[in-house]
Amino acid sequence: GEKGTNMPRGDKDHIMRFRMAIPPRGIIEQYEKLVIQIHEYRSHAAAEDFELRSLRDWLLPMLMNGQLSIE
């Protein structure tokens, strides 16, 4: 099912005949819910990371030049 000699590549007609298992709808929906939760968590974590980096970039120079001290 491949064509070419120097750089073999798949034959589309051959690939289109591949059999593929598709899970039941309920499993697909459970997977979708899980993936959505993961994406929401990552989005929230990225926003929090941005805020923390901004705070660090604002505070660190003041700590280094003595404008701010920690007691």
C-alpha atoms as a PDB file:
ATOM      1  CA  GLY A   1       0.000   0.000   0.000  1.00  0.00           C
ATOM      2  CA  GLU A   2       2.812   2.472  -0.542  1.00  0.00           C
ATOM      3  CA  LYS A   3       4.110   4.386  -3.531  1.00  0.00           C
ATOM      4  CA  GLY A   4       7.499   5.844  -4.322  1.00  0.00           C
ATOM      5  CA  THR A   5      11.009   4.489  -3.955  1.00  0.00           C
ATOM      6  CA  ASN A   6      13.153   7.328  -2.585  1.00  0.00           C
ATOM      7  CA  MET A   7      10.444   8.637  -0.274  1.00  0.00           C
ATOM      8  CA  PRO A   8       7.656   6.076   0.165  1.00  0.00           C
ATOM      9  CA  ARG A   9       4.213   7.442   0.979  1.00  0.00           C
ATOM     10  CA  GLY A  10       0.838   5.862   1.621  1.00  0.00           C
ATOM     11  CA  ASP A  11      -1.578   5.106  -1.206  1.00  0.00           C
ATOM     12  CA  LYS A  12      -4.828   7.009  -0.499  1.00  0.00           C
ATOM     13  CA  ASP A  13      -7.078   4.311  -1.949  1.00  0.00           C
ATOM     14  CA  HIS A  14      -5.383   1.695   0.215  1.00  0.00           C
ATOM     15  CA  ILE A  15      -5.634   3.884   3.328  1.00  0.00           C
ATOM     16  CA  MET A  16      -9.343   4.551   2.719  1.00  0.00           C
ATOM     17  CA  ARG A  17      -9.996   0.801   3.000  1.00  0.00           C
ATOM     18  CA  PHE A  18      -8.523   0.596   6.521  1.00  0.00           C
ATOM     19  CA  ARG A  19     -10.977  -0.601   9.142  1.00  0.00           C
ATOM     20  CA  MET A  20     -11.269   1.570  12.210  1.00  0.00           C
ATOM     21  CA  ALA A  21     -12.970   0.852  15.531  1.00  0.00           C
ATOM     22  CA  ILE A  22     -15.344   3.582  16.697  1.00  0.00           C
ATOM     23  CA  PRO A  23     -16.379   3.523  20.359  1.00  0.00           C
ATOM     24  CA  PRO A  24     -20.020   3.748  21.455  1.00  0.00           C
ATOM     25  CA  ARG A  25     -21.529   7.236  21.695  1.00  0.00           C
ATOM     26  CA  GLY A  26     -21.573   7.152  25.516  1.00  0.00           C
ATOM     27  CA  ILE A  27     -17.808   6.622  25.697  1.00  0.00           C
ATOM     28  CA  ILE A  28     -17.227   9.410  23.175  1.00  0.00           C
ATOM     29  CA  GLU A  29     -19.345  11.795  25.280  1.00  0.00           C
ATOM     30  CA  GLN A  30     -17.481  10.847  28.492  1.00  0.00           C
ATOM     31  CA  TYR A  31     -14.165  11.415  26.718  1.00  0.00           C
ATOM     32  CA  GLU A  32     -15.372  14.773  25.424  1.00  0.00           C
ATOM     33  CA  LYS A  33     -16.357  15.917  28.930  1.00  0.00           C
ATOM     34  CA  LEU A  34     -12.957  14.905  30.269  1.00  0.00           C
ATOM     35  CA  VAL A  35     -11.076  16.673  27.477  1.00  0.00           C
ATOM     36  CA  ILE A  36     -13.140  19.848  27.941  1.00  0.00           C
ATOM     37  CA  GLN A  37     -12.268  19.856  31.668  1.00  0.00           C
ATOM     38  CA  ILE A  38      -8.589  19.448  30.865  1.00  0.00           C
ATOM     39  CA  HIS A  39      -8.674  22.328  28.361  1.00  0.00           C
ATOM     40  CA  GLU A  40     -10.491  24.569  30.855  1.00  0.00           C
ATOM     41  CA  TYR A  41      -7.930  23.754  33.542  1.00  0.00           C
ATOM     42  CA  ARG A  42      -5.022  24.458  31.191  1.00  0.00           C
ATOM     43  CA  SER A  43      -6.590  27.753  30.123  1.00  0.00           C
ATOM     44  CA  HIS A  44      -7.080  28.787  33.755  1.00  0.00           C
ATOM     45  CA  ALA A  45      -3.524  27.721  34.646  1.00  0.00           C
ATOM     46  CA  ALA A  46      -2.107  29.703  31.698  1.00  0.00           C
ATOM     47  CA  ALA A  47      -3.989  32.840  32.798  1.00  0.00           C
ATOM     48  CA  GLU A  48      -2.783  32.399  36.380  1.00  0.00           C
ATOM     49  CA  ASP A  49       0.780  31.862  35.143  1.00  0.00           C
ATOM     50  CA  PHE A  50       0.595  35.107  33.160  1.00  0.00           C
ATOM     51  CA  GLU A  51      -0.609  37.019  36.234  1.00  0.00           C
ATOM     52  CA  LEU A  52       2.131  35.557  38.423  1.00  0.00           C
ATOM     53  CA  ARG A  53       4.833  36.358  35.867  1.00  0.00           C
ATOM     54  CA  SER A  54       3.561  39.929  35.593  1.00  0.00           C
ATOM     55  CA  LEU A  55       3.613  40.302  39.373  1.00  0.00           C
ATOM     56  CA  ARG A  56       7.147  38.889  39.530  1.00  0.00           C
ATOM     57  CA  ASP A  57       8.347  41.235  36.783  1.00  0.00           C
ATOM     58  CA  TRP A  58       6.880  44.192  38.690  1.00  0.00           C
ATOM     59  CA  LEU A  59       8.125  43.213  42.168  1.00  0.00           C
ATOM     60  CA  LEU A  60      11.601  41.851  41.447  1.00  0.00           C
ATOM     61  CA  PRO A  61      13.174  45.101  40.214  1.00  0.00           C
ATOM     62  CA  MET A  62      11.843  46.962  43.267  1.00  0.00           C
ATOM     63  CA  LEU A  63      13.278  44.305  45.586  1.00  0.00           C
ATOM     64  CA  MET A  64      16.635  44.397  43.800  1.00  0.00           C
ATOM     65  CA  ASN A  65      17.079  48.178  43.978  1.00  0.00           C
ATOM     66  CA  GLY A  66      15.822  48.487  47.574  1.00  0.00           C
ATOM     67  CA  GLN A  67      12.545  50.291  46.879  1.00  0.00           C
ATOM     68  CA  LEU A  68      10.746  47.419  48.567  1.00  0.00           C
ATOM     69  CA  SER A  69      11.767  45.258  51.491  1.00  0.00           C
ATOM     70  CA  ILE A  70      10.363  42.138  53.087  1.00  0.00           C
ATOM     71  CA  GLU A  71      10.118  42.047  56.847  1.00  0.00           C
END
